[in-house]
C-alpha cells in the first residue's frame, strides 16, 4: 500500500512558508515512508509540493497524531508503532518484509 493510499484523505497544511529538513530547528519524527516535523503545535510533512498534516490515529483508544501514537493495542494502519501480528515475525509493521504476511496493519499485507 502506497503513502498516497494510506493518506488518501490527507489534509494540506496551508500558508506554510518554512522549509523543513535537517537543522531546521523543529523536531523530526520518522513516520512510515516520510518524516513529520513538529511545528506550530502539530505534525506535518512535505508531499507533492505542499505540506500535509499528520493523520490522527483511527483506533478507538486515542486521538494522537499517528507519528506519536503510543496505544498498546492500536489497530490504525497509519500509526508508527504497530508490530506485525502474523505468525512469521514480530518486526515493526513499517519494516516487516514477510512474504506471506497476514497482519492487518502491515503496509504490504494483502
PDB file of N, CA and C in Angstrom:
ATOM      1  N   UNK A   1       0.846  -1.172   0.000  1.00  0.00           N
ATOM      2  CA  UNK A   1       0.000   0.000   0.000  1.00  0.00           C
ATOM      3  C   UNK A   1       0.895   1.240   0.000  1.00  0.00           C
ATOM      4  N   UNK A   2       0.646   2.158  -0.884  1.00  0.00           N
ATOM      5  CA  UNK A   2       1.493   3.335  -1.024  1.00  0.00           C
ATOM      6  C   UNK A   2       1.147   4.401   0.011  1.00  0.00           C
ATOM      7  N   UNK A   3       2.062   5.374   0.144  1.00  0.00           N
ATOM      8  CA  UNK A   3       1.825   6.506   1.025  1.00  0.00           C
ATOM      9  C   UNK A   3       0.526   7.204   0.637  1.00  0.00           C
ATOM     10  N   UNK A   4       0.290   7.381  -0.675  1.00  0.00           N
ATOM     11  CA  UNK A   4      -0.922   8.053  -1.138  1.00  0.00           C
ATOM     12  C   UNK A   4      -2.164   7.274  -0.727  1.00  0.00           C
ATOM     13  N   UNK A   5      -2.143   5.947  -0.841  1.00  0.00           N
ATOM     14  CA  UNK A   5      -3.291   5.132  -0.451  1.00  0.00           C
ATOM     15  C   UNK A   5      -3.550   5.243   1.047  1.00  0.00           C
ATOM     16  N   UNK A   6      -2.479   5.194   1.845  1.00  0.00           N
ATOM     17  CA  UNK A   6      -2.646   5.277   3.295  1.00  0.00           C
ATOM     18  C   UNK A   6      -3.163   6.640   3.723  1.00  0.00           C
ATOM     19  N   UNK A   7      -2.798   7.670   3.000  1.00  0.00           N
ATOM     20  CA  UNK A   7      -3.163   9.030   3.371  1.00  0.00           C
ATOM     21  C   UNK A   7      -4.109   9.637   2.339  1.00  0.00           C
ATOM     22  N   UNK A   8      -5.061   8.857   1.849  1.00  0.00           N
ATOM     23  CA  UNK A   8      -5.938   9.308   0.778  1.00  0.00           C
ATOM     24  C   UNK A   8      -6.754  10.538   1.174  1.00  0.00           C
ATOM     25  N   UNK A   9      -7.043  10.683   2.440  1.00  0.00           N
ATOM     26  CA  UNK A   9      -7.833  11.816   2.906  1.00  0.00           C
ATOM     27  C   UNK A   9      -6.953  12.857   3.586  1.00  0.00           C
ATOM     28  N   UNK A  10      -5.711  12.999   3.112  1.00  0.00           N
ATOM     29  CA  UNK A  10      -4.775  13.903   3.770  1.00  0.00           C
ATOM     30  C   UNK A  10      -5.280  15.345   3.748  1.00  0.00           C
ATOM     31  N   UNK A  11      -4.903  16.065   4.783  1.00  0.00           N
ATOM     32  CA  UNK A  11      -5.289  17.462   4.914  1.00  0.00           C
ATOM     33  C   UNK A  11      -4.067  18.335   4.665  1.00  0.00           C
ATOM     34  N   UNK A  12      -4.117  19.132   3.630  1.00  0.00           N
ATOM     35  CA  UNK A  12      -2.992  20.008   3.304  1.00  0.00           C
ATOM     36  C   UNK A  12      -2.886  21.129   4.320  1.00  0.00           C
ATOM     37  N   UNK A  13      -1.659  21.372   4.762  1.00  0.00           N
ATOM     38  CA  UNK A  13      -1.371  22.470   5.680  1.00  0.00           C
ATOM     39  C   UNK A  13      -1.105  23.697   4.822  1.00  0.00           C
ATOM     40  N   UNK A  14      -1.969  24.698   4.898  1.00  0.00           N
ATOM     41  CA  UNK A  14      -1.867  25.869   4.029  1.00  0.00           C
ATOM     42  C   UNK A  14      -1.002  26.955   4.661  1.00  0.00           C
ATOM     43  N   UNK A  15      -0.582  27.893   3.851  1.00  0.00           N
ATOM     44  CA  UNK A  15       0.211  29.046   4.278  1.00  0.00           C
ATOM     45  C   UNK A  15       1.467  28.641   5.036  1.00  0.00           C
ATOM     46  N   UNK A  16       2.198  27.680   4.484  1.00  0.00           N
ATOM     47  CA  UNK A  16       3.421  27.212   5.131  1.00  0.00           C
ATOM     48  C   UNK A  16       4.613  27.748   4.357  1.00  0.00           C
ATOM     49  N   UNK A  17       5.347  28.671   4.975  1.00  0.00           N
ATOM     50  CA  UNK A  17       6.455  29.297   4.262  1.00  0.00           C
ATOM     51  C   UNK A  17       7.827  28.867   4.785  1.00  0.00           C
ATOM     52  N   UNK A  18       7.861  27.857   5.631  1.00  0.00           N
ATOM     53  CA  UNK A  18       9.117  27.365   6.202  1.00  0.00           C
ATOM     54  C   UNK A  18       9.496  26.047   5.534  1.00  0.00           C
ATOM     55  N   UNK A  19      10.748  25.889   5.136  1.00  0.00           N
ATOM     56  CA  UNK A  19      11.228  24.651   4.527  1.00  0.00           C
ATOM     57  C   UNK A  19      11.805  23.755   5.621  1.00  0.00           C
ATOM     58  N   UNK A  20      11.187  22.590   5.851  1.00  0.00           N
ATOM     59  CA  UNK A  20      11.672  21.660   6.865  1.00  0.00           C
ATOM     60  C   UNK A  20      12.784  20.779   6.304  1.00  0.00           C
ATOM     61  N   UNK A  21      13.678  20.370   7.182  1.00  0.00           N
ATOM     62  CA  UNK A  21      14.775  19.486   6.822  1.00  0.00           C
ATOM     63  C   UNK A  21      15.781  19.456   7.955  1.00  0.00           C
ATOM     64  N   UNK A  22      16.868  18.748   7.748  1.00  0.00           N
ATOM     65  CA  UNK A  22      17.897  18.628   8.769  1.00  0.00           C
ATOM     66  C   UNK A  22      18.384  20.014   9.195  1.00  0.00           C
ATOM     67  N   UNK A  23      18.351  20.250  10.501  1.00  0.00           N
ATOM     68  CA  UNK A  23      18.823  21.516  11.044  1.00  0.00           C
ATOM     69  C   UNK A  23      17.826  22.658  10.965  1.00  0.00           C
ATOM     70  N   UNK A  24      16.574  22.389  10.663  1.00  0.00           N
ATOM     71  CA  UNK A  24      15.593  23.476  10.538  1.00  0.00           C
ATOM     72  C   UNK A  24      15.101  23.995  11.885  1.00  0.00           C
ATOM     73  N   UNK A  25      15.436  23.269  12.962  1.00  0.00           N
ATOM     74  CA  UNK A  25      15.028  23.723  14.279  1.00  0.00           C
ATOM     75  C   UNK A  25      13.759  23.088  14.816  1.00  0.00           C
ATOM     76  N   UNK A  26      13.147  22.197  14.052  1.00  0.00           N
ATOM     77  CA  UNK A  26      11.933  21.524  14.507  1.00  0.00           C
ATOM     78  C   UNK A  26      12.204  20.038  14.726  1.00  0.00           C
ATOM     79  N   UNK A  27      11.486  19.451  15.677  1.00  0.00           N
ATOM     80  CA  UNK A  27      11.645  18.033  15.969  1.00  0.00           C
ATOM     81  C   UNK A  27      11.167  17.202  14.788  1.00  0.00           C
ATOM     82  N   UNK A  28      12.014  16.284  14.332  1.00  0.00           N
ATOM     83  CA  UNK A  28      11.691  15.398  13.209  1.00  0.00           C
ATOM     84  C   UNK A  28      11.330  14.020  13.755  1.00  0.00           C
ATOM     85  N   UNK A  29      10.250  13.432  13.235  1.00  0.00           N
ATOM     86  CA  UNK A  29       9.811  12.099  13.647  1.00  0.00           C
ATOM     87  C   UNK A  29       9.624  11.248  12.402  1.00  0.00           C
ATOM     88  N   UNK A  30      10.389  10.163  12.273  1.00  0.00           N
ATOM     89  CA  UNK A  30      10.257   9.237  11.144  1.00  0.00           C
ATOM     90  C   UNK A  30       8.898   8.564  11.240  1.00  0.00           C
ATOM     91  N   UNK A  31       8.127   8.613  10.167  1.00  0.00           N
ATOM     92  CA  UNK A  31       6.772   8.061  10.142  1.00  0.00           C
ATOM     93  C   UNK A  31       6.536   7.356   8.809  1.00  0.00           C
ATOM     94  N   UNK A  32       6.498   6.037   8.842  1.00  0.00           N
ATOM     95  CA  UNK A  32       6.334   5.223   7.643  1.00  0.00           C
ATOM     96  C   UNK A  32       7.385   5.619   6.606  1.00  0.00           C
ATOM     97  N   UNK A  33       6.978   6.154   5.455  1.00  0.00           N
ATOM     98  CA  UNK A  33       7.921   6.442   4.380  1.00  0.00           C
ATOM     99  C   UNK A  33       8.307   7.918   4.279  1.00  0.00           C
ATOM    100  N   UNK A  34       8.053   8.681   5.347  1.00  0.00           N
ATOM    101  CA  UNK A  34       8.380  10.110   5.325  1.00  0.00           C
ATOM    102  C   UNK A  34       8.789  10.571   6.725  1.00  0.00           C
ATOM    103  N   UNK A  35       9.122  11.832   6.845  1.00  0.00           N
ATOM    104  CA  UNK A  35       9.463  12.422   8.134  1.00  0.00           C
ATOM    105  C   UNK A  35       8.493  13.553   8.424  1.00  0.00           C
ATOM    106  N   UNK A  36       7.840  13.471   9.591  1.00  0.00           N
ATOM    107  CA  UNK A  36       6.963  14.548  10.046  1.00  0.00           C
ATOM    108  C   UNK A  36       7.780  15.508  10.889  1.00  0.00           C
ATOM    109  N   UNK A  37       7.421  16.779  10.851  1.00  0.00           N
ATOM    110  CA  UNK A  37       8.087  17.807  11.644  1.00  0.00           C
ATOM    111  C   UNK A  37       7.071  18.449  12.568  1.00  0.00           C
ATOM    112  N   UNK A  38       7.454  18.573  13.850  1.00  0.00           N
ATOM    113  CA  UNK A  38       6.588  19.213  14.832  1.00  0.00           C
ATOM    114  C   UNK A  38       6.743  20.723  14.690  1.00  0.00           C
ATOM    115  N   UNK A  39       5.626  21.397  14.406  1.00  0.00           N
ATOM    116  CA  UNK A  39       5.674  22.829  14.085  1.00  0.00           C
ATOM    117  C   UNK A  39       4.307  23.428  14.379  1.00  0.00           C
ATOM    118  N   UNK A  40       4.278  24.527  15.085  1.00  0.00           N
ATOM    119  CA  UNK A  40       3.016  25.213  15.417  1.00  0.00           C
ATOM    120  C   UNK A  40       2.004  24.304  16.114  1.00  0.00           C
ATOM    121  N   UNK A  41       2.474  23.418  16.988  1.00  0.00           N
ATOM    122  CA  UNK A  41       1.578  22.576  17.777  1.00  0.00           C
ATOM    123  C   UNK A  41       1.039  21.339  17.089  1.00  0.00           C
ATOM    124  N   UNK A  42       1.542  21.011  15.922  1.00  0.00           N
ATOM    125  CA  UNK A  42       1.091  19.800  15.227  1.00  0.00           C
ATOM    126  C   UNK A  42       2.234  19.261  14.371  1.00  0.00           C
ATOM    127  N   UNK A  43       1.992  18.123  13.729  1.00  0.00           N
ATOM    128  CA  UNK A  43       2.990  17.493  12.863  1.00  0.00           C
ATOM    129  C   UNK A  43       2.561  17.593  11.409  1.00  0.00           C
ATOM    130  N   UNK A  44       3.524  17.831  10.521  1.00  0.00           N
ATOM    131  CA  UNK A  44       3.234  17.787   9.087  1.00  0.00           C
ATOM    132  C   UNK A  44       4.488  17.428   8.319  1.00  0.00           C
ATOM    133  N   UNK A  45       4.288  17.031   7.048  1.00  0.00           N
ATOM    134  CA  UNK A  45       5.395  16.595   6.196  1.00  0.00           C
ATOM    135  C   UNK A  45       5.169  17.076   4.764  1.00  0.00           C
ATOM    136  N   UNK A  46       6.287  17.204   4.033  1.00  0.00           N
ATOM    137  CA  UNK A  46       6.225  17.655   2.646  1.00  0.00           C
ATOM    138  C   UNK A  46       5.666  16.544   1.771  1.00  0.00           C
ATOM    139  N   UNK A  47       4.771  16.910   0.854  1.00  0.00           N
ATOM    140  CA  UNK A  47       4.123  15.938  -0.024  1.00  0.00           C
ATOM    141  C   UNK A  47       3.636  16.654  -1.281  1.00  0.00           C
ATOM    142  N   UNK A  48       4.171  16.262  -2.434  1.00  0.00           N
ATOM    143  CA  UNK A  48       3.739  16.809  -3.728  1.00  0.00           C
ATOM    144  C   UNK A  48       3.720  18.340  -3.763  1.00  0.00           C
ATOM    145  N   UNK A  49       4.776  18.972  -3.251  1.00  0.00           N
ATOM    146  CA  UNK A  49       4.904  20.413  -3.346  1.00  0.00           C
ATOM    147  C   UNK A  49       4.194  21.222  -2.276  1.00  0.00           C
ATOM    148  N   UNK A  50       3.564  20.559  -1.320  1.00  0.00           N
ATOM    149  CA  UNK A  50       2.920  21.260  -0.206  1.00  0.00           C
ATOM    150  C   UNK A  50       3.159  20.441   1.069  1.00  0.00           C
ATOM    151  N   UNK A  51       2.656  20.891   2.191  1.00  0.00           N
ATOM    152  CA  UNK A  51       2.786  20.143   3.442  1.00  0.00           C
ATOM    153  C   UNK A  51       1.440  19.575   3.844  1.00  0.00           C
ATOM    154  N   UNK A  52       1.437  18.296   4.241  1.00  0.00           N
ATOM    155  CA  UNK A  52       0.238  17.628   4.743  1.00  0.00           C
ATOM    156  C   UNK A  52       0.318  17.514   6.252  1.00  0.00           C
ATOM    157  N   UNK A  53      -0.815  17.725   6.928  1.00  0.00           N
ATOM    158  CA  UNK A  53      -0.869  17.473   8.355  1.00  0.00           C
ATOM    159  C   UNK A  53      -0.792  15.978   8.585  1.00  0.00           C
ATOM    160  N   UNK A  54      -0.150  15.581   9.680  1.00  0.00           N
ATOM    161  CA  UNK A  54      -0.061  14.164  10.049  1.00  0.00           C
ATOM    162  C   UNK A  54      -1.463  13.644  10.347  1.00  0.00           C
ATOM    163  N   UNK A  55      -1.728  12.398   9.958  1.00  0.00           N
ATOM    164  CA  UNK A  55      -3.017  11.776  10.248  1.00  0.00           C
ATOM    165  C   UNK A  55      -3.216  11.603  11.745  1.00  0.00           C
ATOM    166  N   UNK A  56      -4.471  11.565  12.164  1.00  0.00           N
ATOM    167  CA  UNK A  56      -4.828  11.301  13.554  1.00  0.00           C
ATOM    168  C   UNK A  56      -5.168   9.825  13.680  1.00  0.00           C
ATOM    169  N   UNK A  57      -4.715   9.200  14.756  1.00  0.00           N
ATOM    170  CA  UNK A  57      -4.968   7.778  14.991  1.00  0.00           C
ATOM    171  C   UNK A  57      -6.458   7.471  14.869  1.00  0.00           C
ATOM    172  N   UNK A  58      -6.781   6.384  14.184  1.00  0.00           N
ATOM    173  CA  UNK A  58      -8.169   5.994  13.954  1.00  0.00           C
ATOM    174  C   UNK A  58      -8.674   4.899  14.887  1.00  0.00           C
ATOM    175  N   UNK A  59      -7.829   4.446  15.834  1.00  0.00           N
ATOM    176  CA  UNK A  59      -8.324   3.426  16.759  1.00  0.00           C
ATOM    177  C   UNK A  59      -9.230   4.090  17.798  1.00  0.00           C
ATOM    178  N   UNK A  60      -9.986   3.305  18.514  1.00  0.00           N
ATOM    179  CA  UNK A  60     -10.954   3.861  19.469  1.00  0.00           C
ATOM    180  C   UNK A  60     -10.309   4.298  20.789  1.00  0.00           C
ATOM    181  N   UNK A  61      -9.013   4.081  20.949  1.00  0.00           N
ATOM    182  CA  UNK A  61      -8.364   4.351  22.225  1.00  0.00           C
ATOM    183  C   UNK A  61      -7.734   5.723  22.368  1.00  0.00           C
ATOM    184  N   UNK A  62      -7.513   6.442  21.283  1.00  0.00           N
ATOM    185  CA  UNK A  62      -6.820   7.725  21.418  1.00  0.00           C
ATOM    186  C   UNK A  62      -7.160   8.670  20.277  1.00  0.00           C
ATOM    187  N   UNK A  63      -6.605   9.867  20.373  1.00  0.00           N
ATOM    188  CA  UNK A  63      -6.763  10.857  19.306  1.00  0.00           C
ATOM    189  C   UNK A  63      -5.420  11.519  19.009  1.00  0.00           C
ATOM    190  N   UNK A  64      -4.317  10.800  19.277  1.00  0.00           N
ATOM    191  CA  UNK A  64      -2.974  11.302  18.998  1.00  0.00           C
ATOM    192  C   UNK A  64      -2.717  11.342  17.494  1.00  0.00           C
ATOM    193  N   UNK A  65      -1.708  12.123  17.105  1.00  0.00           N
ATOM    194  CA  UNK A  65      -1.240  12.075  15.728  1.00  0.00           C
ATOM    195  C   UNK A  65      -0.522  10.743  15.538  1.00  0.00           C
ATOM    196  N   UNK A  66      -0.677  10.129  14.376  1.00  0.00           N
ATOM    197  CA  UNK A  66      -0.159   8.781  14.140  1.00  0.00           C
ATOM    198  C   UNK A  66       1.344   8.641  14.414  1.00  0.00           C
ATOM    199  N   UNK A  67       2.121   9.644  14.100  1.00  0.00           N
ATOM    200  CA  UNK A  67       3.566   9.558  14.310  1.00  0.00           C
ATOM    201  C   UNK A  67       3.931   9.512  15.791  1.00  0.00           C
ATOM    202  N   UNK A  68       3.029   9.951  16.672  1.00  0.00           N
ATOM    203  CA  UNK A  68       3.305   9.999  18.104  1.00  0.00           C
ATOM    204  C   UNK A  68       2.428   9.055  18.927  1.00  0.00           C
ATOM    205  N   UNK A  69       1.537   8.299  18.293  1.00  0.00           N
ATOM    206  CA  UNK A  69       0.605   7.410  18.995  1.00  0.00           C
ATOM    207  C   UNK A  69       1.360   6.336  19.772  1.00  0.00           C
ATOM    208  N   UNK A  70       0.918   6.065  20.998  1.00  0.00           N
ATOM    209  CA  UNK A  70       1.562   5.052  21.840  1.00  0.00           C
ATOM    210  C   UNK A  70       0.580   3.997  22.341  1.00  0.00           C
ATOM    211  N   UNK A  71      -0.572   3.862  21.726  1.00  0.00           N
ATOM    212  CA  UNK A  71      -1.546   2.851  22.150  1.00  0.00           C
ATOM    213  C   UNK A  71      -0.911   1.457  22.084  1.00  0.00           C
ATOM    214  N   UNK A  72      -1.101   0.658  23.110  1.00  0.00           N
ATOM    215  CA  UNK A  72      -0.521  -0.682  23.114  1.00  0.00           C
ATOM    216  C   UNK A  72      -1.319  -1.660  22.267  1.00  0.00           C
ATOM    217  N   UNK A  73      -2.580  -1.384  22.024  1.00  0.00           N
ATOM    218  CA  UNK A  73      -3.411  -2.286  21.217  1.00  0.00           C
ATOM    219  C   UNK A  73      -3.973  -1.579  19.984  1.00  0.00           C
ATOM    220  N   UNK A  74      -3.189  -0.694  19.410  1.00  0.00           N
ATOM    221  CA  UNK A  74      -3.617   0.120  18.277  1.00  0.00           C
ATOM    222  C   UNK A  74      -3.872  -0.740  17.033  1.00  0.00           C
ATOM    223  N   UNK A  75      -4.900  -0.389  16.289  1.00  0.00           N
ATOM    224  CA  UNK A  75      -5.210  -1.089  15.043  1.00  0.00           C
ATOM    225  C   UNK A  75      -5.212  -0.136  13.847  1.00  0.00           C
ATOM    226  N   UNK A  76      -4.738   1.070  14.045  1.00  0.00           N
ATOM    227  CA  UNK A  76      -4.725   2.081  12.985  1.00  0.00           C
ATOM    228  C   UNK A  76      -3.618   1.768  11.975  1.00  0.00           C
ATOM    229  N   UNK A  77      -3.941   1.763  10.689  1.00  0.00           N
ATOM    230  CA  UNK A  77      -2.974   1.423   9.642  1.00  0.00           C
ATOM    231  C   UNK A  77      -1.892   2.470   9.450  1.00  0.00           C
ATOM    232  N   UNK A  78      -2.121   3.706   9.852  1.00  0.00           N
ATOM    233  CA  UNK A  78      -1.118   4.740   9.630  1.00  0.00           C
ATOM    234  C   UNK A  78      -0.305   5.088  10.869  1.00  0.00           C
ATOM    235  N   UNK A  79      -0.514   4.381  11.969  1.00  0.00           N
ATOM    236  CA  UNK A  79       0.297   4.640  13.165  1.00  0.00           C
ATOM    237  C   UNK A  79       1.668   4.008  13.035  1.00  0.00           C
ATOM    238  N   UNK A  80       2.620   4.609  13.692  1.00  0.00           N
ATOM    239  CA  UNK A  80       4.027   4.295  13.527  1.00  0.00           C
ATOM    240  C   UNK A  80       4.503   3.069  14.288  1.00  0.00           C
ATOM    241  N   UNK A  81       3.844   2.703  15.347  1.00  0.00           N
ATOM    242  CA  UNK A  81       4.387   1.745  16.301  1.00  0.00           C
ATOM    243  C   UNK A  81       3.856   0.323  16.164  1.00  0.00           C
ATOM    244  N   UNK A  82       2.950   0.083  15.267  1.00  0.00           N
ATOM    245  CA  UNK A  82       2.362  -1.253  15.161  1.00  0.00           C
ATOM    246  C   UNK A  82       3.421  -2.318  14.930  1.00  0.00           C
ATOM    247  N   UNK A  83       3.244  -3.458  15.578  1.00  0.00           N
ATOM    248  CA  UNK A  83       4.139  -4.600  15.432  1.00  0.00           C
ATOM    249  C   UNK A  83       3.378  -5.679  14.680  1.00  0.00           C
ATOM    250  N   UNK A  84       4.041  -6.320  13.728  1.00  0.00           N
ATOM    251  CA  UNK A  84       3.422  -7.348  12.914  1.00  0.00           C
ATOM    252  C   UNK A  84       2.768  -8.407  13.802  1.00  0.00           C
ATOM    253  N   UNK A  85       1.549  -8.782  13.445  1.00  0.00           N
ATOM    254  CA  UNK A  85       0.786  -9.751  14.223  1.00  0.00           C
ATOM    255  C   UNK A  85       0.653 -11.101  13.516  1.00  0.00           C
ATOM    256  N   UNK A  86       1.391 -11.303  12.413  1.00  0.00           N
ATOM    257  CA  UNK A  86       1.313 -12.600  11.749  1.00  0.00           C
ATOM    258  C   UNK A  86       2.218 -13.590  12.484  1.00  0.00           C
ATOM    259  N   UNK A  87       2.119 -14.850  12.147  1.00  0.00           N
ATOM    260  CA  UNK A  87       2.894 -15.885  12.848  1.00  0.00           C
ATOM    261  C   UNK A  87       4.345 -15.966  12.399  1.00  0.00           C
ATOM    262  N   UNK A  88       4.721 -15.202  11.367  1.00  0.00           N
ATOM    263  CA  UNK A  88       6.062 -15.303  10.803  1.00  0.00           C
ATOM    264  C   UNK A  88       7.108 -14.389  11.431  1.00  0.00           C
ATOM    265  N   UNK A  89       6.699 -13.312  12.103  1.00  0.00           N
ATOM    266  CA  UNK A  89       7.695 -12.380  12.652  1.00  0.00           C
ATOM    267  C   UNK A  89       7.106 -11.516  13.747  1.00  0.00           C
ATOM    268  N   UNK A  90       7.932 -10.654  14.297  1.00  0.00           N
ATOM    269  CA  UNK A  90       7.477  -9.649  15.260  1.00  0.00           C
ATOM    270  C   UNK A  90       8.160  -8.316  14.987  1.00  0.00           C
ATOM    271  N   UNK A  91       8.431  -8.030  13.708  1.00  0.00           N
ATOM    272  CA  UNK A  91       9.030  -6.769  13.291  1.00  0.00           C
ATOM    273  C   UNK A  91       7.997  -5.645  13.394  1.00  0.00           C
ATOM    274  N   UNK A  92       8.460  -4.420  13.373  1.00  0.00           N
ATOM    275  CA  UNK A  92       7.553  -3.283  13.269  1.00  0.00           C
ATOM    276  C   UNK A  92       6.876  -3.355  11.903  1.00  0.00           C
ATOM    277  N   UNK A  93       5.602  -3.026  11.846  1.00  0.00           N
ATOM    278  CA  UNK A  93       4.875  -3.110  10.581  1.00  0.00           C
ATOM    279  C   UNK A  93       5.527  -2.282   9.475  1.00  0.00           C
ATOM    280  N   UNK A  94       6.087  -1.156   9.829  1.00  0.00           N
ATOM    281  CA  UNK A  94       6.717  -0.291   8.824  1.00  0.00           C
ATOM    282  C   UNK A  94       7.934  -0.938   8.179  1.00  0.00           C
ATOM    283  N   UNK A  95       8.537  -1.941   8.828  1.00  0.00           N
ATOM    284  CA  UNK A  95       9.721  -2.584   8.254  1.00  0.00           C
ATOM    285  C   UNK A  95       9.536  -4.086   8.035  1.00  0.00           C
ATOM    286  N   UNK A  96       8.344  -4.608   8.235  1.00  0.00           N
ATOM    287  CA  UNK A  96       8.068  -6.038   8.039  1.00  0.00           C
ATOM    288  C   UNK A  96       8.223  -6.406   6.563  1.00  0.00           C
ATOM    289  N   UNK A  97       8.884  -7.536   6.320  1.00  0.00           N
ATOM    290  CA  UNK A  97       9.083  -7.993   4.943  1.00  0.00           C
ATOM    291  C   UNK A  97       8.623  -9.430   4.749  1.00  0.00           C
ATOM    292  N   UNK A  98       7.722  -9.922   5.589  1.00  0.00           N
ATOM    293  CA  UNK A  98       7.218 -11.293   5.447  1.00  0.00           C
ATOM    294  C   UNK A  98       6.600 -11.480   4.066  1.00  0.00           C
ATOM    295  N   UNK A  99       6.910 -12.581   3.418  1.00  0.00           N
ATOM    296  CA  UNK A  99       6.358 -12.821   2.085  1.00  0.00           C
ATOM    297  C   UNK A  99       4.899 -13.256   2.136  1.00  0.00           C
ATOM    298  N   UNK A 100       4.478 -13.878   3.220  1.00  0.00           N
ATOM    299  CA  UNK A 100       3.087 -14.318   3.364  1.00  0.00           C
ATOM    300  C   UNK A 100       2.402 -13.624   4.536  1.00  0.00           C
ATOM    301  N   UNK A 101       2.625 -12.353   4.698  1.00  0.00           N
ATOM    302  CA  UNK A 101       2.113 -11.608   5.845  1.00  0.00           C
ATOM    303  C   UNK A 101       0.599 -11.511   5.800  1.00  0.00           C
ATOM    304  N   UNK A 102      -0.014 -11.703   6.956  1.00  0.00           N
ATOM    305  CA  UNK A 102      -1.467 -11.597   7.063  1.00  0.00           C
ATOM    306  C   UNK A 102      -1.885 -10.512   8.046  1.00  0.00           C
ATOM    307  N   UNK A 103      -0.931  -9.729   8.519  1.00  0.00           N
ATOM    308  CA  UNK A 103      -1.179  -8.696   9.515  1.00  0.00           C
ATOM    309  C   UNK A 103      -1.987  -7.546   8.897  1.00  0.00           C
ATOM    310  N   UNK A 104      -3.030  -7.089   9.589  1.00  0.00           N
ATOM    311  CA  UNK A 104      -3.874  -6.002   9.081  1.00  0.00           C
ATOM    312  C   UNK A 104      -3.171  -4.659   9.037  1.00  0.00           C
ATOM    313  N   UNK A 105      -2.157  -4.465   9.885  1.00  0.00           N
ATOM    314  CA  UNK A 105      -1.536  -3.144   9.933  1.00  0.00           C
ATOM    315  C   UNK A 105      -0.210  -3.052   9.190  1.00  0.00           C
ATOM    316  N   UNK A 106       0.271  -4.147   8.595  1.00  0.00           N
ATOM    317  CA  UNK A 106       1.489  -4.073   7.791  1.00  0.00           C
ATOM    318  C   UNK A 106       1.180  -3.446   6.430  1.00  0.00           C
ATOM    319  N   UNK A 107       2.094  -2.617   5.956  1.00  0.00           N
ATOM    320  CA  UNK A 107       1.883  -1.885   4.706  1.00  0.00           C
ATOM    321  C   UNK A 107       1.722  -2.795   3.502  1.00  0.00           C
ATOM    322  N   UNK A 108       2.445  -3.915   3.458  1.00  0.00           N
ATOM    323  CA  UNK A 108       2.487  -4.742   2.259  1.00  0.00           C
ATOM    324  C   UNK A 108       1.538  -5.938   2.286  1.00  0.00           C
ATOM    325  N   UNK A 109       0.821  -6.127   3.394  1.00  0.00           N
ATOM    326  CA  UNK A 109      -0.052  -7.299   3.514  1.00  0.00           C
ATOM    327  C   UNK A 109      -1.188  -7.239   2.501  1.00  0.00           C
ATOM    328  N   UNK A 110      -1.562  -8.386   2.031  1.00  0.00           N
ATOM    329  CA  UNK A 110      -2.644  -8.464   1.029  1.00  0.00           C
ATOM    330  C   UNK A 110      -3.997  -8.335   1.681  1.00  0.00           C
TER     331      UNK A 110
END
